[in-house]
Amino acid sequence: MRQMGFALKYIMMTLIAIVCIIPIVWMVAGSLRPYEELFQYSSSLNWHMFVPVKFTWENYKNVIFSETNPFLRYIWNTVIVAGSVTVIVLVVSALAAFAFAKLRFRGKSIVFALFMSAMVIPGEVTLVPNYLLMNNFGWVNSYASLIVPSSLSVFGIFLLRQFFADIPNEIMEAAKIDGASVMRVFIRIVVPAAVPALITLGLMTFLGNWDSYLWPLIVINDEKKQMLQVAIASFSSLAGTDWSKILAASTIATAPILILFLFLQRYYIQGITMSGVKG
């Protein structure tokens, strides 16, 4: 009976995995088709739906080497912004979470409750205030407007605090007795123990900024500083939608995230399990 339960579980997991993979396979296959073939086999279930009849790399050439839409430039902009935000979020969140989890100071519970209350505010509500703030600073149409507003992650602080709270206080007290300062304890003991949680938060932050669309669309007007998802959306206009280019660009944009996740999935799963959102 137990073996049957395991078999049913793996069958269900396999079916879910197949359902999740099918759109990705169709996207990659569509990016390798000529435009006239793209929707020719989409209405019938046959192997041509996922395997192009006529393979072509023309879509990728048109995307990568386009003179009007410098796609490699958009990728570089996104890497700079997403990488910078990820590093800042990890540093700020780790320091704040350590303070909330292990340090004692007056009003800690009230301050933490105020931080957590920010999680219930939809991001759309802050768009106008953030834009006005960026405009007053003179940061509109600059990388600063993309990086600074995203540099504080309330969820990241909450996630790391849950993880830091499980680190035994006895280890920290022993280090302090040996003469280690608070910052040394944080760097030498807390951070190494929190690597899975930090990688989990880093992946979430990087992915969120890699896929960012609405905020860059609002604050960036210079095409040379635009982000990847806005660039992909530019292939659709009033004149029509070039689905072949969209599929090729989406495949290029998806590949780095998939590769990154494949290399770090063990730490990601471990971080989710251990930091746990236990409450």
Protein backbone atom coordinates (compact mmCIF):
# COMPACT_ATOMS: atom_id res chain seq x y z
CA MET A 1 0.00 0.00 0.00
CA ARG A 2 2.85 2.33 0.85
CA GLN A 3 4.59 1.59 -2.45
CA MET A 4 1.37 2.35 -4.31
CA GLY A 5 1.18 5.70 -2.53
CA PHE A 6 4.75 6.54 -3.58
CA ALA A 7 3.98 5.47 -7.16
CA LEU A 8 0.89 7.69 -7.31
CA LYS A 9 2.87 10.60 -5.88
CA TYR A 10 5.61 10.28 -8.51
CA ILE A 11 3.04 9.89 -11.29
CA MET A 12 1.31 13.09 -10.18
CA MET A 13 4.63 14.93 -9.91
CA THR A 14 5.60 13.72 -13.40
CA LEU A 15 2.29 14.90 -14.86
CA ILE A 16 2.65 18.31 -13.21
CA ALA A 17 6.23 18.58 -14.51
CA ILE A 18 5.09 17.74 -18.04
CA VAL A 19 2.32 20.35 -17.91
CA CYS A 20 4.86 22.96 -16.74
CA ILE A 21 7.44 22.03 -19.37
CA ILE A 22 5.09 21.94 -22.41
CA PRO A 23 4.85 25.77 -22.78
CA ILE A 24 8.64 26.09 -22.53
CA VAL A 25 9.18 23.40 -25.19
CA TRP A 26 6.63 25.09 -27.47
CA MET A 27 8.34 28.45 -26.94
CA VAL A 28 11.77 27.07 -27.88
CA ALA A 29 10.34 25.19 -30.86
CA GLY A 30 8.47 28.28 -32.02
CA SER A 31 11.63 30.37 -31.86
CA LEU A 32 13.22 27.96 -34.36
CA ARG A 33 10.37 28.15 -36.88
CA PRO A 34 9.83 30.59 -39.73
CA TYR A 35 6.95 32.98 -39.08
CA GLU A 36 4.60 31.40 -41.62
CA GLU A 37 4.91 28.01 -39.87
CA LEU A 38 4.46 29.33 -36.32
CA PHE A 39 0.70 28.73 -35.92
CA GLN A 40 0.29 26.19 -38.70
CA TYR A 41 0.36 23.19 -36.35
CA SER A 42 -0.80 24.82 -33.11
CA SER A 43 -4.40 23.62 -33.41
CA SER A 44 -3.65 19.91 -33.83
CA LEU A 45 -1.93 17.46 -31.50
CA ASN A 46 0.94 16.01 -33.50
CA TRP A 47 4.70 15.95 -33.25
CA HIS A 48 5.04 18.98 -35.55
CA MET A 49 3.49 21.04 -32.76
CA PHE A 50 6.77 20.68 -30.84
CA VAL A 51 9.24 19.87 -33.64
CA PRO A 52 9.66 22.45 -36.41
CA VAL A 53 9.29 21.23 -39.99
CA LYS A 54 11.79 23.80 -41.16
CA PHE A 55 14.47 24.81 -38.65
CA THR A 56 15.80 28.35 -38.81
CA TRP A 57 18.08 30.54 -36.69
CA GLU A 58 16.88 33.66 -38.47
CA ASN A 59 14.69 34.73 -35.54
CA TYR A 60 17.67 34.78 -33.18
CA LYS A 61 19.79 36.68 -35.70
CA ASN A 62 17.05 39.27 -36.14
CA VAL A 63 16.77 39.72 -32.36
CA ILE A 64 20.44 39.75 -31.41
CA PHE A 65 21.77 41.80 -34.32
CA SER A 66 18.88 44.23 -34.64
CA GLU A 67 20.01 47.82 -35.20
CA THR A 68 16.78 49.38 -33.95
CA ASN A 69 16.53 47.21 -30.80
CA PRO A 70 20.02 46.48 -29.39
CA PHE A 71 18.99 43.34 -27.51
CA LEU A 72 22.44 42.58 -26.08
CA ARG A 73 22.45 46.08 -24.60
CA TYR A 74 19.11 45.38 -22.92
CA ILE A 75 20.47 42.15 -21.46
CA TRP A 76 23.52 44.00 -20.12
CA ASN A 77 21.31 46.68 -18.54
CA THR A 78 19.19 44.01 -16.87
CA VAL A 79 22.24 42.14 -15.57
CA ILE A 80 23.64 45.36 -14.05
CA VAL A 81 20.35 46.33 -12.38
CA ALA A 82 19.34 42.85 -11.22
CA GLY A 83 22.85 42.06 -9.97
CA SER A 84 23.21 45.36 -8.11
CA VAL A 85 19.78 45.08 -6.48
CA THR A 86 20.49 41.48 -5.44
CA VAL A 87 23.77 42.35 -3.74
CA ILE A 88 22.28 45.35 -1.91
CA VAL A 89 19.18 43.40 -0.83
CA LEU A 90 21.31 40.56 0.54
CA VAL A 91 23.52 42.90 2.57
CA VAL A 92 20.70 45.09 3.90
CA SER A 93 18.33 42.18 4.60
CA ALA A 94 21.00 40.12 6.35
CA LEU A 95 22.02 42.99 8.66
CA ALA A 96 18.41 43.93 9.45
CA ALA A 97 17.35 40.32 9.99
CA PHE A 98 20.31 39.72 12.32
CA ALA A 99 19.33 42.76 14.37
CA PHE A 100 15.70 41.65 14.63
CA ALA A 101 16.61 38.04 15.42
CA LYS A 102 19.57 38.31 17.79
CA LEU A 103 20.07 41.84 19.09
CA ARG A 104 18.16 43.53 21.89
CA PHE A 105 17.03 47.11 21.53
CA ARG A 106 14.05 49.17 22.65
CA GLY A 107 10.98 48.97 20.45
CA LYS A 108 12.24 46.00 18.41
CA SER A 109 8.84 44.29 18.26
CA ILE A 110 7.09 47.50 17.19
CA VAL A 111 9.63 48.26 14.47
CA PHE A 112 9.45 44.69 13.17
CA ALA A 113 5.65 44.83 13.13
CA LEU A 114 5.81 48.05 11.10
CA PHE A 115 8.17 46.37 8.65
CA MET A 116 5.83 43.40 8.29
CA SER A 117 2.83 45.67 7.73
CA ALA A 118 4.53 46.93 4.56
CA MET A 119 4.13 43.46 3.05
CA VAL A 120 0.35 43.94 2.73
CA ILE A 121 0.71 47.12 0.65
CA PRO A 122 0.40 46.34 -3.10
CA GLY A 123 3.32 47.49 -5.19
CA GLU A 124 1.01 49.41 -7.52
CA VAL A 125 0.07 51.73 -4.64
CA THR A 126 3.67 52.94 -4.32
CA LEU A 127 4.26 53.58 -8.03
CA VAL A 128 3.23 57.25 -8.02
CA PRO A 129 5.01 58.20 -4.73
CA ASN A 130 8.16 56.40 -5.88
CA TYR A 131 8.08 58.13 -9.26
CA LEU A 132 7.65 61.56 -7.64
CA LEU A 133 10.54 60.77 -5.28
CA MET A 134 12.79 59.69 -8.16
CA ASN A 135 11.82 62.82 -10.08
CA ASN A 136 12.67 65.08 -7.12
CA PHE A 137 16.06 63.40 -6.81
CA GLY A 138 16.66 63.83 -10.54
CA TRP A 139 17.04 60.08 -11.00
CA VAL A 140 14.34 59.53 -13.62
CA ASN A 141 15.81 57.85 -16.70
CA SER A 142 18.84 56.54 -14.79
CA TYR A 143 20.00 53.25 -13.29
CA ALA A 144 19.54 54.74 -9.80
CA SER A 145 15.77 54.87 -10.31
CA LEU A 146 15.79 51.15 -11.06
CA ILE A 147 18.15 50.09 -8.26
CA VAL A 148 17.42 52.25 -5.21
CA PRO A 149 13.62 51.68 -4.83
CA SER A 150 14.18 47.91 -5.02
CA SER A 151 17.06 47.81 -2.54
CA LEU A 152 14.90 47.08 0.51
CA SER A 153 13.07 43.76 0.68
CA VAL A 154 10.70 43.37 3.61
CA PHE A 155 10.10 39.75 2.64
CA GLY A 156 13.88 39.20 2.55
CA ILE A 157 14.23 40.53 6.09
CA PHE A 158 11.40 38.29 7.25
CA LEU A 159 12.84 35.22 5.49
CA LEU A 160 16.34 35.66 6.92
CA ARG A 161 15.04 36.51 10.38
CA GLN A 162 13.24 33.18 10.51
CA PHE A 163 16.51 31.48 9.61
CA PHE A 164 18.72 33.47 12.00
CA ALA A 165 16.32 32.84 14.88
CA ASP A 166 17.15 29.11 14.69
CA ILE A 167 20.89 29.65 15.14
CA PRO A 168 21.71 28.71 18.79
CA ASN A 169 22.48 31.68 21.00
CA GLU A 170 25.07 29.57 22.83
CA ILE A 171 27.36 29.60 19.79
CA MET A 172 27.21 33.38 19.61
CA GLU A 173 27.75 33.77 23.35
CA ALA A 174 30.81 31.52 23.18
CA ALA A 175 32.26 33.65 20.38
CA LYS A 176 31.64 36.83 22.38
CA ILE A 177 33.39 35.32 25.41
CA ASP A 178 36.39 34.64 23.15
CA GLY A 179 36.48 38.35 22.35
CA ALA A 180 34.61 38.46 19.04
CA SER A 181 32.65 41.63 18.29
CA VAL A 182 29.04 41.58 17.16
CA MET A 183 30.03 42.25 13.56
CA ARG A 184 32.66 39.50 13.68
CA VAL A 185 30.07 37.05 15.03
CA PHE A 186 27.76 38.06 12.21
CA ILE A 187 30.39 37.61 9.49
CA ARG A 188 32.13 34.49 10.80
CA ILE A 189 29.24 32.53 12.35
CA VAL A 190 25.83 33.77 11.22
CA VAL A 191 26.49 34.39 7.52
CA PRO A 192 28.21 31.02 6.80
CA ALA A 193 25.33 29.22 8.54
CA ALA A 194 22.80 31.14 6.46
CA VAL A 195 24.22 30.44 2.99
CA PRO A 196 21.17 28.41 1.78
CA ALA A 197 18.76 31.14 2.90
CA LEU A 198 20.92 33.85 1.33
CA ILE A 199 21.07 31.98 -1.98
CA THR A 200 17.29 31.49 -1.87
CA LEU A 201 16.72 35.21 -1.30
CA GLY A 202 19.30 36.06 -3.95
CA LEU A 203 17.57 33.90 -6.55
CA MET A 204 14.16 35.37 -5.74
CA THR A 205 15.48 38.92 -5.89
CA PHE A 206 17.44 38.42 -9.10
CA LEU A 207 14.50 36.73 -10.81
CA GLY A 208 12.09 39.47 -9.68
CA ASN A 209 14.29 42.20 -11.14
CA TRP A 210 15.15 40.18 -14.25
CA ASP A 211 11.43 39.96 -15.04
CA SER A 212 10.64 43.53 -14.00
CA TYR A 213 8.43 45.32 -16.51
CA LEU A 214 6.07 47.96 -15.10
CA TRP A 215 8.54 50.08 -13.10
CA PRO A 216 11.22 50.28 -15.86
CA LEU A 217 8.48 51.16 -18.33
CA ILE A 218 7.51 54.13 -16.13
CA VAL A 219 10.90 55.59 -15.17
CA ILE A 220 13.08 54.81 -18.21
CA ASN A 221 12.61 56.63 -21.52
CA ASP A 222 16.12 56.23 -22.93
CA GLU A 223 16.19 53.12 -25.14
CA LYS A 224 19.87 52.54 -24.30
CA LYS A 225 19.00 52.11 -20.60
CA GLN A 226 15.85 50.04 -21.01
CA MET A 227 15.30 46.64 -19.38
CA LEU A 228 14.86 43.25 -20.99
CA GLN A 229 11.13 42.63 -20.53
CA VAL A 230 10.23 46.07 -21.86
CA ALA A 231 12.43 45.37 -24.87
CA ILE A 232 10.60 42.08 -25.52
CA ALA A 233 7.25 43.86 -25.30
CA SER A 234 8.45 46.37 -27.90
CA PHE A 235 8.17 43.66 -30.57
CA SER A 236 4.41 44.11 -30.25
CA SER A 237 2.96 47.40 -31.53
CA LEU A 238 -0.06 48.86 -33.30
CA ALA A 239 1.48 47.70 -36.57
CA GLY A 240 1.33 44.08 -35.39
CA THR A 241 3.06 41.50 -33.24
CA ASP A 242 6.16 39.69 -34.40
CA TRP A 243 5.65 36.46 -32.48
CA SER A 244 8.77 34.81 -33.91
CA LYS A 245 10.98 37.54 -32.44
CA ILE A 246 9.06 37.50 -29.15
CA LEU A 247 9.57 33.73 -28.78
CA ALA A 248 13.27 33.98 -29.67
CA ALA A 249 13.80 36.90 -27.28
CA SER A 250 11.87 35.13 -24.52
CA THR A 251 14.00 32.00 -24.98
CA ILE A 252 17.18 34.06 -24.69
CA ALA A 253 15.81 35.78 -21.58
CA THR A 254 14.75 32.50 -19.97
CA ALA A 255 17.98 30.56 -20.54
CA PRO A 256 20.18 32.39 -17.95
CA ILE A 257 17.55 31.97 -15.22
CA LEU A 258 17.14 28.25 -15.93
CA ILE A 259 20.91 27.72 -15.90
CA LEU A 260 21.28 29.69 -12.69
CA PHE A 261 18.50 27.74 -11.01
CA LEU A 262 19.90 24.36 -12.14
CA PHE A 263 23.23 25.16 -10.50
CA LEU A 264 21.71 26.55 -7.28
CA GLN A 265 18.53 24.49 -6.91
CA ARG A 266 19.99 22.39 -4.08
CA TYR A 267 20.65 25.51 -1.98
CA TYR A 268 17.29 27.00 -2.99
CA ILE A 269 15.33 23.96 -1.78
CA GLN A 270 17.44 23.74 1.37
CA GLY A 271 16.92 27.42 2.11
CA ILE A 272 13.15 27.18 1.68
CA THR A 273 13.04 24.07 3.89
CA MET A 274 15.24 25.42 6.68
CA SER A 275 14.16 29.05 6.79
CA GLY A 276 10.79 27.63 6.43
CA VAL A 277 8.47 30.58 7.03
CA LYS A 278 7.76 28.87 10.32
CA GLY A 279 6.24 31.84 12.11
